[in-house]
Amino acid sequence: MERLNGESIKIIDEIVSRYAGQPGPVIVMLHDVQDKLGYIPYEAMEAISKATGTSVADVFGVVNFYAQFTTEPKGKHVINVCLGTACYVKGSQKLVEIAEQVTGAKVNGTSADGMFSLDATRCLGACGLAPVVVIDGRVVGNCNPAKVEKEIRAIIDAEKAS
């Protein structure tokens, strides 16, 4: 397991101290840690456990229960492809395949260069726009493989230009 740097530990400590002594802050703390670090490291779960009097196993259980939490660092750009029923029947599996090819990331993984994370998700609540892909928090509806490839290549080009 990799060790966190001092800045990450400082962020975790600040979040934990902000909520210490309050009833039921585990989920709020987890959200705050993930918002700041991009994922929830084990050290954060330990600190939250200690501050709330909740076992590490229970904190870990919360992290694993809710799909929005992750214990692995995400890439700089996050792509979510909806595989809910409406999106799936309209071809979202092909969108996953093209995203894998263009980014080099496997489903629910991160590319070797750390540039992209690719997640297959269930219904995103935008069924009228099916199939849907969310790229860096931006909903892209009525997708097809060419549109997804164009969106990803635009990100790659922008990264090269910066």
Protein backbone atom coordinates (compact mmCIF):
# COMPACT_ATOMS: atom_id res chain seq x y z
CA MET A 1 0.00 0.00 0.00
CA GLU A 2 1.40 3.38 -0.94
CA ARG A 3 1.88 5.97 1.78
CA LEU A 4 0.19 9.33 1.49
CA ASN A 5 2.19 12.52 1.24
CA GLY A 6 2.08 15.14 3.98
CA GLU A 7 -0.32 17.39 2.07
CA SER A 8 -2.90 14.59 1.73
CA ILE A 9 -2.61 13.73 5.43
CA LYS A 10 -3.06 17.41 6.30
CA ILE A 11 -6.25 17.54 4.17
CA ILE A 12 -7.63 14.42 5.86
CA ASP A 13 -6.82 15.76 9.34
CA GLU A 14 -8.53 19.09 8.55
CA ILE A 15 -11.69 17.34 7.33
CA VAL A 16 -11.82 14.97 10.30
CA SER A 17 -11.26 17.75 12.85
CA ARG A 18 -14.01 19.84 11.25
CA TYR A 19 -16.61 17.14 12.03
CA ALA A 20 -15.19 15.52 15.18
CA GLY A 21 -17.69 15.23 17.98
CA GLN A 22 -20.73 15.60 15.72
CA PRO A 23 -23.19 12.71 15.42
CA GLY A 24 -23.24 10.77 12.15
CA PRO A 25 -20.59 12.56 10.07
CA VAL A 26 -19.03 9.47 8.44
CA ILE A 27 -20.61 9.90 5.00
CA VAL A 28 -20.04 13.66 5.01
CA MET A 29 -16.37 13.12 5.87
CA LEU A 30 -16.01 10.50 3.15
CA HIS A 31 -17.53 12.86 0.58
CA ASP A 32 -15.20 15.65 1.64
CA VAL A 33 -12.11 13.43 1.46
CA GLN A 34 -13.05 12.15 -1.98
CA ASP A 35 -13.81 15.69 -3.19
CA LYS A 36 -10.36 16.86 -2.07
CA LEU A 37 -8.22 13.82 -2.91
CA GLY A 38 -10.22 12.19 -5.70
CA TYR A 39 -10.50 8.93 -3.78
CA ILE A 40 -10.65 7.61 -0.21
CA PRO A 41 -7.34 6.16 1.00
CA TYR A 42 -7.18 3.69 3.87
CA GLU A 43 -5.53 6.33 6.08
CA ALA A 44 -8.64 8.48 5.74
CA MET A 45 -10.85 5.58 6.79
CA GLU A 46 -8.63 5.07 9.85
CA ALA A 47 -8.83 8.76 10.79
CA ILE A 48 -12.61 8.87 10.31
CA SER A 49 -12.93 5.71 12.38
CA LYS A 50 -10.94 7.18 15.24
CA ALA A 51 -12.76 10.54 15.17
CA THR A 52 -16.25 9.03 15.10
CA GLY A 53 -15.76 5.99 17.30
CA THR A 54 -16.84 3.81 14.37
CA SER A 55 -14.83 0.71 13.51
CA VAL A 56 -12.61 0.85 10.44
CA ALA A 57 -14.57 -2.13 9.13
CA ASP A 58 -17.81 -0.14 9.34
CA VAL A 59 -16.26 2.88 7.59
CA PHE A 60 -14.86 0.56 4.91
CA GLY A 61 -18.33 -0.99 4.59
CA VAL A 62 -19.84 2.42 3.90
CA VAL A 63 -17.18 3.15 1.27
CA ASN A 64 -17.86 -0.15 -0.47
CA PHE A 65 -21.65 0.10 -0.21
CA TYR A 66 -21.99 3.42 -2.04
CA ALA A 67 -20.95 3.30 -5.70
CA GLN A 68 -19.86 6.95 -5.75
CA PHE A 69 -16.96 6.23 -3.39
CA THR A 70 -13.68 4.84 -4.65
CA THR A 71 -10.56 3.61 -2.87
CA GLU A 72 -8.41 3.94 -5.98
CA PRO A 73 -7.07 7.21 -7.36
CA LYS A 74 -8.87 8.31 -10.53
CA GLY A 75 -7.30 9.60 -13.69
CA LYS A 76 -7.13 13.28 -14.51
CA HIS A 77 -10.21 12.84 -16.72
CA VAL A 78 -13.10 10.59 -15.69
CA ILE A 79 -15.43 9.02 -18.23
CA ASN A 80 -18.64 7.33 -17.07
CA VAL A 81 -20.58 5.30 -19.61
CA CYS A 82 -24.15 4.43 -18.64
CA LEU A 83 -25.02 0.76 -19.04
CA GLY A 84 -28.56 1.16 -17.68
CA THR A 85 -31.32 -0.46 -19.70
CA ALA A 86 -32.23 2.49 -21.94
CA CYS A 87 -28.59 3.24 -22.75
CA TYR A 88 -27.63 -0.39 -23.17
CA VAL A 89 -30.36 -1.16 -25.69
CA LYS A 90 -29.27 1.92 -27.64
CA GLY A 91 -25.68 0.71 -27.93
CA SER A 92 -23.75 1.93 -24.91
CA GLN A 93 -21.59 -1.22 -24.82
CA LYS A 94 -20.01 -0.02 -28.08
CA LEU A 95 -19.28 3.30 -26.34
CA VAL A 96 -17.40 1.46 -23.60
CA GLU A 97 -15.37 -0.39 -26.21
CA ILE A 98 -14.38 2.76 -28.12
CA ALA A 99 -13.52 4.56 -24.87
CA GLU A 100 -11.26 1.64 -23.90
CA GLN A 101 -9.53 1.72 -27.27
CA VAL A 102 -8.95 5.48 -27.34
CA THR A 103 -7.95 5.99 -23.68
CA GLY A 104 -6.11 2.74 -22.95
CA ALA A 105 -8.15 2.41 -19.74
CA LYS A 106 -10.00 -0.78 -18.96
CA VAL A 107 -13.55 -0.64 -17.62
CA ASN A 108 -13.54 0.52 -13.99
CA GLY A 109 -9.85 1.24 -14.28
CA THR A 110 -7.35 3.97 -15.07
CA SER A 111 -5.02 4.28 -18.05
CA ALA A 112 -1.34 3.55 -17.41
CA ASP A 113 -0.47 7.23 -17.90
CA GLY A 114 -3.05 8.29 -15.28
CA MET A 115 -4.83 10.48 -17.81
CA PHE A 116 -8.20 8.66 -17.98
CA SER A 117 -10.45 6.62 -15.72
CA LEU A 118 -13.27 4.70 -17.38
CA ASP A 119 -16.25 3.62 -15.33
CA ALA A 120 -19.28 1.63 -16.42
CA THR A 121 -22.25 2.87 -14.42
CA ARG A 122 -25.89 2.03 -14.01
CA CYS A 123 -28.67 4.46 -14.80
CA LEU A 124 -27.54 8.08 -14.70
CA GLY A 125 -31.11 9.39 -14.82
CA ALA A 126 -30.86 10.83 -18.32
CA CYS A 127 -32.70 8.08 -20.17
CA GLY A 128 -34.29 10.53 -22.63
CA LEU A 129 -30.76 11.28 -23.88
CA ALA A 130 -29.71 7.63 -24.20
CA PRO A 131 -27.08 6.51 -24.69
CA VAL A 132 -25.34 8.80 -22.22
CA VAL A 133 -21.69 9.35 -21.33
CA VAL A 134 -20.49 11.70 -18.60
CA ILE A 135 -17.05 13.15 -19.26
CA ASP A 136 -15.48 15.12 -16.41
CA GLY A 137 -18.96 15.76 -14.98
CA ARG A 138 -20.42 16.94 -18.29
CA VAL A 139 -23.36 14.93 -19.67
CA VAL A 140 -23.04 14.02 -23.33
CA GLY A 141 -26.28 12.57 -24.66
CA ASN A 142 -27.37 10.79 -27.82
CA CYS A 143 -23.90 9.33 -28.12
CA ASN A 144 -22.46 7.06 -30.74
CA PRO A 145 -18.93 5.68 -31.04
CA ALA A 146 -17.76 8.51 -33.34
CA LYS A 147 -19.06 11.18 -30.94
CA VAL A 148 -17.37 9.56 -27.93
CA GLU A 149 -14.10 9.20 -29.82
CA LYS A 150 -14.27 12.86 -30.91
CA GLU A 151 -14.88 14.01 -27.30
CA ILE A 152 -11.97 11.97 -25.95
CA ARG A 153 -9.60 12.99 -28.73
CA ALA A 154 -10.45 16.66 -28.01
CA ILE A 155 -9.29 16.11 -24.42
CA ILE A 156 -6.10 14.41 -25.63
CA ASP A 157 -5.39 17.26 -28.04
CA ALA A 158 -6.03 19.88 -25.35
CA GLU A 159 -3.64 18.08 -23.00
CA LYS A 160 -0.94 17.98 -25.68
CA ALA A 161 -1.40 21.70 -26.37
CA SER A 162 -1.06 22.71 -22.70
